[in-house]
Amino acid sequence: MEFPEGTEYLKPEIVRPRIDEISGIVYRQIRQMRRVDTLRMTVLIPRTDSPKPAILYFPGGGFTSADHEKFIEMRMALAEKGFVVAACQYRTIPARFPAPIEDAKHAIRFLRAHANEFSIDPARIGVLGDSAGGYVTQMLAATSHESGWDAGDYLDESSAVQAAVSIYGISDLRSIGEGLGQDAVHASCASTEALLLNGPAFRDFAGQGIGQDPEKALAASSIGHVTDKFPPILLMHGGRDTLVSPLQSINLYRTLKARGLDARLVCLPGAAHGDLIWFQQPVVDLVSRWFAQKLQADPGVPQSWR
């Protein structure tokens, strides 16, 4: 067909897949005495021909919220690199540990059980999280080969992960504010980590600070579960973080490297906790490249538009 004079022509090269989004997926329901708690995920699926590695994103929120549909910049970039990307809710306070870990493992098993539906290669699954979501991510990595953490449905599926990225995450509940001059805050029985682990004061329980039972806190921390089976992990932390001490990432990195494990630590000297630096392209590119290397993602050839 001949176009009129003055027509401008654009001939884009096909270099990226089409991304399908499926939101509102219910991956777990937990029945309480008078209600049912419903947990949802949103999945981004590159429309390419072959099964793809998957990444599950767990959001931060200080253990009090899990707004899973944020960090779209990172999630979309990963989908464009050839990953199926699931963003997942998990239970937060007043739910107590190990509820968030049980939910996250349930999400992994759910995706493996529906691998064909979501075009996932179940042998290649990674996890990503920031802050409290980084805590969840680290715990998933640390307990990948431990039994006793799985609860709910799809128990014939594995909840192990093959790679992890933790962005200003928490590795040790005993020392979240180490070096930040916040000892009194984190010693309080009202701190969010104390509420996660011990619950609120009620009736004959006066509450308990995180430091009153250090063995219990260590057992609920990734640094307390480091074995030679710990999967590859990228730890990222801001040098100006005043909410989660950079020592959280530093100490886990040192522990993993002392065992000769595959760990990488990246510091962003000018970055605070959750500020705009974390949404910039160099950060997105670094995480995308790292996952692509560890999970061998391939953007592939886009399918025809349907």
Foldseek 3Di string as FASTA:
>chain_A
DDDDPPDDDDDDDPQFFDKDKDWDAFLDWDDDPPDIDTKIKMKIAGQFDAQFEEEEEWEDDQLAFTPFPPLVLLQVLLNRLFYIYMGIGFHGPVAAPPRRLQRLLSVLLSCVVCRVVRSHDNVAYEYEYEAQRLQSRLQLLLCQPPPDSYDDPSVVGGSHHQEYEYELYAQFLVPFQPPLPCVVQQQDLPRRSNSRHPNDADDPRHGGHCPVCRVSRLVSGSLNRDDQSRHAYEYEYELAENRGDPVRVVVSQVSQVVVVYHYHYYYHDHDYGPDPVCSDDVNSVVVSVVSCVRRVGHSHDYDDDD
